[in-house]
Amino acid sequence: MRSASVVFAATLIVLGVIGLITGNYAPIWQPVPFGAPMVYACSAISVATGIGLIVPGAAAHASWLLLGALVVSVVIFRGRDLVTGPADFGSWDGIAETAVPIAAAWILSTGRGVRIARTLYGLALLPFGLAHFIYLDNTTVLIPSWIPAHLALAYFTGAAFIAAGLAIITGVWGRLAAALSVVQIGGFTVLVWPPLALAGTLTAFQWNEFGTSALLTAAAWVVAASYRDRR
């Protein structure tokens, strides 16, 4: 758990620092409104909680602060999108992206309710998998050219996300599913975004997706590590 929490903390710090420098929301907080003051406040929370997760004796307080901020964010702002557009899959996918770091913060903040946090993570994986089918063209175009069978791989990874989510929710092979989901999210993070960044072809939106993918990988690792450290 320690290694996973350190990587999660480092990701929060990096994304928060980028937000402070650029004056733009880190992926974890979008689509929080209210302009520059809220941008810097959210970025500061990312940096502060990331540092707190690393400092001995401060981790519990930092994780509670992060958990509370994320829950408020998802209820007020993501929830608003869901109410105004319940049929919009993007609203569900956005909530799922925030649910993953919420699950990680929950696990780090308390020794109770870990299974609920895992279930939340499992539920979040379902929209991730469905997105591969709904946004099939956008998925296949991101797969590196040296990897064969783009269409088949997009279908497979989408189905894998759904299967992993169901396994974690039901508890059937949940530990294995959580570990494999980290490999899948991490593999996407490493294989897709860095080559595009080095080539200088990433758009502002794709940079945002890169940050989101890195955060999801770190948070997923925290969830997977909880199986080893806690029942």
C-alpha atoms as a PDB file:
ATOM      1  CA  MET A   1       0.000   0.000   0.000  1.00  0.00           C
ATOM      2  CA  ARG A   2       2.846   2.390   0.807  1.00  0.00           C
ATOM      3  CA  SER A   3       4.268   2.383  -2.724  1.00  0.00           C
ATOM      4  CA  ALA A   4       0.810   2.843  -4.236  1.00  0.00           C
ATOM      5  CA  SER A   5      -0.043   5.740  -1.911  1.00  0.00           C
ATOM      6  CA  VAL A   6       3.275   7.475  -2.656  1.00  0.00           C
ATOM      7  CA  VAL A   7       2.676   7.266  -6.410  1.00  0.00           C
ATOM      8  CA  PHE A   8      -0.889   8.495  -5.919  1.00  0.00           C
ATOM      9  CA  ALA A   9       0.405  11.383  -3.796  1.00  0.00           C
ATOM     10  CA  ALA A  10       3.094  12.274  -6.346  1.00  0.00           C
ATOM     11  CA  THR A  11       0.508  12.340  -9.135  1.00  0.00           C
ATOM     12  CA  LEU A  12      -1.701  14.672  -7.104  1.00  0.00           C
ATOM     13  CA  ILE A  13       1.249  16.982  -6.472  1.00  0.00           C
ATOM     14  CA  VAL A  14       2.312  17.087 -10.117  1.00  0.00           C
ATOM     15  CA  LEU A  15      -1.215  17.738 -11.394  1.00  0.00           C
ATOM     16  CA  GLY A  16      -1.752  20.376  -8.732  1.00  0.00           C
ATOM     17  CA  VAL A  17       1.501  22.157  -9.565  1.00  0.00           C
ATOM     18  CA  ILE A  18       0.608  22.137 -13.261  1.00  0.00           C
ATOM     19  CA  GLY A  19      -2.761  23.645 -12.378  1.00  0.00           C
ATOM     20  CA  LEU A  20      -1.107  26.397 -10.335  1.00  0.00           C
ATOM     21  CA  ILE A  21       1.328  27.185 -13.148  1.00  0.00           C
ATOM     22  CA  THR A  22      -1.120  27.102 -16.047  1.00  0.00           C
ATOM     23  CA  GLY A  23      -4.146  28.484 -14.220  1.00  0.00           C
ATOM     24  CA  ASN A  24      -6.224  25.621 -15.541  1.00  0.00           C
ATOM     25  CA  TYR A  25      -8.095  22.883 -13.733  1.00  0.00           C
ATOM     26  CA  ALA A  26      -6.284  19.619 -13.125  1.00  0.00           C
ATOM     27  CA  PRO A  27      -8.286  16.710 -14.578  1.00  0.00           C
ATOM     28  CA  ILE A  28      -9.370  15.540 -11.143  1.00  0.00           C
ATOM     29  CA  TRP A  29     -11.504  18.651 -10.608  1.00  0.00           C
ATOM     30  CA  GLN A  30     -13.149  19.284 -13.955  1.00  0.00           C
ATOM     31  CA  PRO A  31     -15.755  20.622 -14.608  1.00  0.00           C
ATOM     32  CA  VAL A  32     -15.694  22.820 -11.458  1.00  0.00           C
ATOM     33  CA  PRO A  33     -16.677  26.403 -12.461  1.00  0.00           C
ATOM     34  CA  PHE A  34     -16.112  29.850 -10.901  1.00  0.00           C
ATOM     35  CA  GLY A  35     -12.931  30.841 -12.716  1.00  0.00           C
ATOM     36  CA  ALA A  36      -9.406  31.473 -11.492  1.00  0.00           C
ATOM     37  CA  PRO A  37      -9.958  31.514  -7.697  1.00  0.00           C
ATOM     38  CA  MET A  38     -11.458  28.030  -7.757  1.00  0.00           C
ATOM     39  CA  VAL A  39      -8.767  26.791 -10.158  1.00  0.00           C
ATOM     40  CA  TYR A  40      -6.042  27.766  -7.717  1.00  0.00           C
ATOM     41  CA  ALA A  41      -8.000  26.491  -4.721  1.00  0.00           C
ATOM     42  CA  CYS A  42      -8.474  23.061  -6.301  1.00  0.00           C
ATOM     43  CA  SER A  43      -4.852  22.925  -7.425  1.00  0.00           C
ATOM     44  CA  ALA A  44      -3.727  23.872  -3.928  1.00  0.00           C
ATOM     45  CA  ILE A  45      -5.840  21.076  -2.457  1.00  0.00           C
ATOM     46  CA  SER A  46      -4.189  18.610  -4.847  1.00  0.00           C
ATOM     47  CA  VAL A  47      -0.706  19.755  -3.821  1.00  0.00           C
ATOM     48  CA  ALA A  48      -1.488  19.943  -0.102  1.00  0.00           C
ATOM     49  CA  THR A  49      -3.174  16.564   0.098  1.00  0.00           C
ATOM     50  CA  GLY A  50      -0.464  14.955  -2.018  1.00  0.00           C
ATOM     51  CA  ILE A  51       2.220  16.251   0.328  1.00  0.00           C
ATOM     52  CA  GLY A  52       0.114  15.248   3.335  1.00  0.00           C
ATOM     53  CA  LEU A  53      -0.174  11.655   2.084  1.00  0.00           C
ATOM     54  CA  ILE A  54       3.617  11.403   2.140  1.00  0.00           C
ATOM     55  CA  VAL A  55       4.311  13.175   5.446  1.00  0.00           C
ATOM     56  CA  PRO A  56       4.239  10.746   8.408  1.00  0.00           C
ATOM     57  CA  GLY A  57       1.286  11.371  10.691  1.00  0.00           C
ATOM     58  CA  ALA A  58      -0.542  13.579   8.206  1.00  0.00           C
ATOM     59  CA  ALA A  59      -1.753  10.948   5.739  1.00  0.00           C
ATOM     60  CA  ALA A  60      -5.120  10.304   7.415  1.00  0.00           C
ATOM     61  CA  HIS A  61      -5.991  14.001   7.589  1.00  0.00           C
ATOM     62  CA  ALA A  62      -4.859  14.579   4.007  1.00  0.00           C
ATOM     63  CA  SER A  63      -6.867  11.666   2.659  1.00  0.00           C
ATOM     64  CA  TRP A  64      -9.989  12.840   4.522  1.00  0.00           C
ATOM     65  CA  LEU A  65      -9.573  16.334   3.073  1.00  0.00           C
ATOM     66  CA  LEU A  66      -9.123  14.922  -0.424  1.00  0.00           C
ATOM     67  CA  LEU A  67     -12.087  12.592  -0.010  1.00  0.00           C
ATOM     68  CA  GLY A  68     -14.347  15.389   1.188  1.00  0.00           C
ATOM     69  CA  ALA A  69     -13.313  17.753  -1.591  1.00  0.00           C
ATOM     70  CA  LEU A  70     -13.814  15.116  -4.277  1.00  0.00           C
ATOM     71  CA  VAL A  71     -17.213  14.078  -2.956  1.00  0.00           C
ATOM     72  CA  VAL A  72     -18.400  17.696  -2.860  1.00  0.00           C
ATOM     73  CA  SER A  73     -17.071  18.191  -6.376  1.00  0.00           C
ATOM     74  CA  VAL A  74     -18.739  15.122  -7.837  1.00  0.00           C
ATOM     75  CA  VAL A  75     -22.073  15.698  -6.076  1.00  0.00           C
ATOM     76  CA  ILE A  76     -22.427  19.374  -6.898  1.00  0.00           C
ATOM     77  CA  PHE A  77     -20.821  19.645 -10.316  1.00  0.00           C
ATOM     78  CA  ARG A  78     -20.730  16.182 -11.865  1.00  0.00           C
ATOM     79  CA  GLY A  79     -24.154  15.536 -10.374  1.00  0.00           C
ATOM     80  CA  ARG A  80     -25.456  18.707 -12.004  1.00  0.00           C
ATOM     81  CA  ASP A  81     -24.365  17.404 -15.404  1.00  0.00           C
ATOM     82  CA  LEU A  82     -26.113  14.126 -14.704  1.00  0.00           C
ATOM     83  CA  VAL A  83     -29.363  15.874 -13.754  1.00  0.00           C
ATOM     84  CA  THR A  84     -29.327  18.129 -16.812  1.00  0.00           C
ATOM     85  CA  GLY A  85     -28.272  15.355 -19.191  1.00  0.00           C
ATOM     86  CA  PRO A  86     -29.098  11.920 -17.744  1.00  0.00           C
ATOM     87  CA  ALA A  87     -28.990  10.322 -21.184  1.00  0.00           C
ATOM     88  CA  ASP A  88     -25.565  11.791 -21.949  1.00  0.00           C
ATOM     89  CA  PHE A  89     -23.016   9.004 -21.529  1.00  0.00           C
ATOM     90  CA  GLY A  90     -20.283  11.591 -21.032  1.00  0.00           C
ATOM     91  CA  SER A  91     -21.884  12.572 -17.708  1.00  0.00           C
ATOM     92  CA  TRP A  92     -21.688   8.995 -16.444  1.00  0.00           C
ATOM     93  CA  ASP A  93     -18.156   8.589 -17.728  1.00  0.00           C
ATOM     94  CA  GLY A  94     -17.135  11.821 -15.995  1.00  0.00           C
ATOM     95  CA  ILE A  95     -18.544  10.636 -12.681  1.00  0.00           C
ATOM     96  CA  ALA A  96     -16.693   7.346 -13.094  1.00  0.00           C
ATOM     97  CA  GLU A  97     -13.398   9.190 -13.593  1.00  0.00           C
ATOM     98  CA  THR A  98     -13.884  11.027 -10.304  1.00  0.00           C
ATOM     99  CA  ALA A  99     -15.150   7.904  -8.523  1.00  0.00           C
ATOM    100  CA  VAL A 100     -11.786   6.167  -8.941  1.00  0.00           C
ATOM    101  CA  PRO A 101      -9.731   8.713  -6.914  1.00  0.00           C
ATOM    102  CA  ILE A 102     -12.638   8.894  -4.454  1.00  0.00           C
ATOM    103  CA  ALA A 103     -12.287   5.141  -3.897  1.00  0.00           C
ATOM    104  CA  ALA A 104      -8.528   5.541  -3.413  1.00  0.00           C
ATOM    105  CA  ALA A 105      -8.943   8.437  -0.965  1.00  0.00           C
ATOM    106  CA  TRP A 106     -11.584   6.463   0.932  1.00  0.00           C
ATOM    107  CA  ILE A 107      -9.245   3.485   1.325  1.00  0.00           C
ATOM    108  CA  LEU A 108      -6.408   5.692   2.526  1.00  0.00           C
ATOM    109  CA  SER A 109      -8.584   7.662   4.948  1.00  0.00           C
ATOM    110  CA  THR A 110     -10.195   4.898   6.951  1.00  0.00           C
ATOM    111  CA  GLY A 111      -9.855   1.247   7.815  1.00  0.00           C
ATOM    112  CA  ARG A 112     -13.606   0.799   7.525  1.00  0.00           C
ATOM    113  CA  GLY A 113     -15.799   0.389   4.514  1.00  0.00           C
ATOM    114  CA  VAL A 114     -12.965  -0.732   2.249  1.00  0.00           C
ATOM    115  CA  ARG A 115     -15.256  -3.151   0.454  1.00  0.00           C
ATOM    116  CA  ILE A 116     -17.632  -0.284  -0.334  1.00  0.00           C
ATOM    117  CA  ALA A 117     -14.719   1.688  -1.801  1.00  0.00           C
ATOM    118  CA  ARG A 118     -13.741  -1.312  -3.909  1.00  0.00           C
ATOM    119  CA  THR A 119     -17.330  -1.655  -5.119  1.00  0.00           C
ATOM    120  CA  LEU A 120     -17.316   2.021  -6.085  1.00  0.00           C
ATOM    121  CA  TYR A 121     -14.152   1.380  -8.071  1.00  0.00           C
ATOM    122  CA  GLY A 122     -15.729  -1.645  -9.731  1.00  0.00           C
ATOM    123  CA  LEU A 123     -18.780   0.390 -10.727  1.00  0.00           C
ATOM    124  CA  ALA A 124     -16.503   3.038 -12.232  1.00  0.00           C
ATOM    125  CA  LEU A 125     -14.873   0.461 -14.483  1.00  0.00           C
ATOM    126  CA  LEU A 126     -18.187  -0.303 -16.207  1.00  0.00           C
ATOM    127  CA  PRO A 127     -18.491   3.080 -18.003  1.00  0.00           C
ATOM    128  CA  PHE A 128     -14.776   2.841 -18.880  1.00  0.00           C
ATOM    129  CA  GLY A 129     -15.499  -0.383 -20.694  1.00  0.00           C
ATOM    130  CA  LEU A 130     -18.650   0.892 -22.358  1.00  0.00           C
ATOM    131  CA  ALA A 131     -16.739   3.953 -23.581  1.00  0.00           C
ATOM    132  CA  HIS A 132     -14.539   1.694 -25.690  1.00  0.00           C
ATOM    133  CA  PHE A 133     -17.635   0.552 -27.572  1.00  0.00           C
ATOM    134  CA  ILE A 134     -19.448   3.885 -27.712  1.00  0.00           C
ATOM    135  CA  TYR A 135     -16.347   5.838 -28.742  1.00  0.00           C
ATOM    136  CA  LEU A 136     -14.819   3.040 -30.779  1.00  0.00           C
ATOM    137  CA  ASP A 137     -13.259   5.277 -33.436  1.00  0.00           C
ATOM    138  CA  ASN A 138     -11.662   7.522 -30.818  1.00  0.00           C
ATOM    139  CA  THR A 139     -10.277   4.470 -29.029  1.00  0.00           C
ATOM    140  CA  THR A 140      -8.741   2.742 -32.028  1.00  0.00           C
ATOM    141  CA  VAL A 141      -7.023   5.878 -33.336  1.00  0.00           C
ATOM    142  CA  LEU A 142      -5.068   6.205 -30.069  1.00  0.00           C
ATOM    143  CA  ILE A 143      -3.593   2.702 -30.225  1.00  0.00           C
ATOM    144  CA  PRO A 144       0.071   2.866 -31.373  1.00  0.00           C
ATOM    145  CA  SER A 145       0.557   1.838 -34.983  1.00  0.00           C
ATOM    146  CA  TRP A 146       3.005  -0.960 -34.096  1.00  0.00           C
ATOM    147  CA  ILE A 147       0.294  -2.801 -32.163  1.00  0.00           C
ATOM    148  CA  PRO A 148      -1.803  -4.989 -34.512  1.00  0.00           C
ATOM    149  CA  ALA A 149      -5.565  -5.554 -34.629  1.00  0.00           C
ATOM    150  CA  HIS A 150      -6.685  -2.164 -33.326  1.00  0.00           C
ATOM    151  CA  LEU A 151     -10.388  -2.909 -33.607  1.00  0.00           C
ATOM    152  CA  ALA A 152     -10.133  -6.282 -31.872  1.00  0.00           C
ATOM    153  CA  LEU A 153      -7.967  -4.782 -29.127  1.00  0.00           C
ATOM    154  CA  ALA A 154     -10.467  -1.983 -28.520  1.00  0.00           C
ATOM    155  CA  TYR A 155     -13.275  -4.515 -28.147  1.00  0.00           C
ATOM    156  CA  PHE A 156     -11.148  -6.736 -25.909  1.00  0.00           C
ATOM    157  CA  THR A 157     -10.044  -3.972 -23.560  1.00  0.00           C
ATOM    158  CA  GLY A 158     -13.576  -2.621 -23.322  1.00  0.00           C
ATOM    159  CA  ALA A 159     -14.879  -6.075 -22.413  1.00  0.00           C
ATOM    160  CA  ALA A 160     -11.981  -6.517 -19.966  1.00  0.00           C
ATOM    161  CA  PHE A 161     -12.937  -3.351 -18.101  1.00  0.00           C
ATOM    162  CA  ILE A 162     -16.534  -4.521 -17.797  1.00  0.00           C
ATOM    163  CA  ALA A 163     -15.496  -8.006 -16.680  1.00  0.00           C
ATOM    164  CA  ALA A 164     -13.074  -6.570 -14.102  1.00  0.00           C
ATOM    165  CA  GLY A 165     -15.744  -4.234 -12.772  1.00  0.00           C
ATOM    166  CA  LEU A 166     -18.228  -7.067 -12.341  1.00  0.00           C
ATOM    167  CA  ALA A 167     -15.608  -9.254 -10.675  1.00  0.00           C
ATOM    168  CA  ILE A 168     -14.725  -6.535  -8.164  1.00  0.00           C
ATOM    169  CA  ILE A 169     -18.384  -5.757  -7.442  1.00  0.00           C
ATOM    170  CA  THR A 170     -19.308  -9.408  -6.865  1.00  0.00           C
ATOM    171  CA  GLY A 171     -16.070 -10.344  -5.126  1.00  0.00           C
ATOM    172  CA  VAL A 172     -15.454 -13.243  -7.522  1.00  0.00           C
ATOM    173  CA  TRP A 173     -11.760 -13.045  -8.420  1.00  0.00           C
ATOM    174  CA  GLY A 174     -11.926  -9.442  -7.297  1.00  0.00           C
ATOM    175  CA  ARG A 175      -8.287  -9.230  -6.231  1.00  0.00           C
ATOM    176  CA  LEU A 176      -7.045 -10.526  -9.588  1.00  0.00           C
ATOM    177  CA  ALA A 177      -9.436  -8.255 -11.471  1.00  0.00           C
ATOM    178  CA  ALA A 178      -8.258  -5.196  -9.558  1.00  0.00           C
ATOM    179  CA  ALA A 179      -4.613  -6.028 -10.253  1.00  0.00           C
ATOM    180  CA  LEU A 180      -5.250  -6.601 -13.959  1.00  0.00           C
ATOM    181  CA  SER A 181      -7.226  -3.363 -14.216  1.00  0.00           C
ATOM    182  CA  VAL A 182      -4.158  -1.482 -12.969  1.00  0.00           C
ATOM    183  CA  VAL A 183      -2.063  -3.162 -15.666  1.00  0.00           C
ATOM    184  CA  GLN A 184      -4.603  -2.216 -18.318  1.00  0.00           C
ATOM    185  CA  ILE A 185      -4.998   1.425 -17.243  1.00  0.00           C
ATOM    186  CA  GLY A 186      -1.263   1.758 -16.675  1.00  0.00           C
ATOM    187  CA  GLY A 187      -0.480   0.177 -20.025  1.00  0.00           C
ATOM    188  CA  PHE A 188      -2.724   2.678 -21.761  1.00  0.00           C
ATOM    189  CA  THR A 189      -1.072   5.523 -19.860  1.00  0.00           C
ATOM    190  CA  VAL A 190       2.441   4.413 -20.796  1.00  0.00           C
ATOM    191  CA  LEU A 191       1.887   3.213 -24.367  1.00  0.00           C
ATOM    192  CA  VAL A 192      -0.449   5.908 -25.700  1.00  0.00           C
ATOM    193  CA  TRP A 193       0.307   9.303 -24.209  1.00  0.00           C
ATOM    194  CA  PRO A 194       4.123   9.614 -23.799  1.00  0.00           C
ATOM    195  CA  PRO A 195       4.887   8.866 -27.487  1.00  0.00           C
ATOM    196  CA  LEU A 196       2.335  11.486 -28.555  1.00  0.00           C
ATOM    197  CA  ALA A 197       3.756  13.968 -26.054  1.00  0.00           C
ATOM    198  CA  LEU A 198       7.316  13.388 -27.308  1.00  0.00           C
ATOM    199  CA  ALA A 199       6.123  13.844 -30.882  1.00  0.00           C
ATOM    200  CA  GLY A 200       4.555  17.150 -29.906  1.00  0.00           C
ATOM    201  CA  THR A 201       1.153  16.196 -31.295  1.00  0.00           C
ATOM    202  CA  LEU A 202      -0.923  16.280 -28.113  1.00  0.00           C
ATOM    203  CA  THR A 203      -3.776  18.763 -28.105  1.00  0.00           C
ATOM    204  CA  ALA A 204      -4.839  20.568 -24.916  1.00  0.00           C
ATOM    205  CA  PHE A 205      -7.677  18.069 -24.545  1.00  0.00           C
ATOM    206  CA  GLN A 206      -5.285  15.134 -24.930  1.00  0.00           C
ATOM    207  CA  TRP A 207      -2.896  16.590 -22.346  1.00  0.00           C
ATOM    208  CA  ASN A 208      -5.871  16.645 -20.016  1.00  0.00           C
ATOM    209  CA  GLU A 209      -6.587  13.004 -20.851  1.00  0.00           C
ATOM    210  CA  PHE A 210      -2.930  12.146 -20.187  1.00  0.00           C
ATOM    211  CA  GLY A 211      -3.227  13.639 -16.705  1.00  0.00           C
ATOM    212  CA  THR A 212      -6.504  11.847 -16.107  1.00  0.00           C
ATOM    213  CA  SER A 213      -5.005   8.529 -17.197  1.00  0.00           C
ATOM    214  CA  ALA A 214      -2.003   8.972 -14.885  1.00  0.00           C
ATOM    215  CA  LEU A 215      -4.254   9.791 -11.943  1.00  0.00           C
ATOM    216  CA  LEU A 216      -6.538   6.828 -12.656  1.00  0.00           C
ATOM    217  CA  THR A 217      -3.537   4.506 -12.806  1.00  0.00           C
ATOM    218  CA  ALA A 218      -2.229   5.677  -9.431  1.00  0.00           C
ATOM    219  CA  ALA A 219      -5.665   5.554  -7.796  1.00  0.00           C
ATOM    220  CA  ALA A 220      -6.377   2.101  -9.228  1.00  0.00           C
ATOM    221  CA  TRP A 221      -3.088   0.877  -7.755  1.00  0.00           C
ATOM    222  CA  VAL A 222      -4.219   2.045  -4.307  1.00  0.00           C
ATOM    223  CA  VAL A 223      -7.439   0.040  -4.679  1.00  0.00           C
ATOM    224  CA  ALA A 224      -5.585  -3.063  -5.872  1.00  0.00           C
ATOM    225  CA  ALA A 225      -3.064  -2.775  -3.033  1.00  0.00           C
ATOM    226  CA  SER A 226      -5.901  -2.754  -0.494  1.00  0.00           C
ATOM    227  CA  TYR A 227      -6.552  -6.432  -1.249  1.00  0.00           C
ATOM    228  CA  ARG A 228      -3.059  -7.298  -0.072  1.00  0.00           C
ATOM    229  CA  ASP A 229      -3.144  -5.169   3.070  1.00  0.00           C
ATOM    230  CA  ARG A 230      -6.763  -5.576   4.180  1.00  0.00           C
ATOM    231  CA  ARG A 231      -9.529  -8.121   3.900  1.00  0.00           C
END
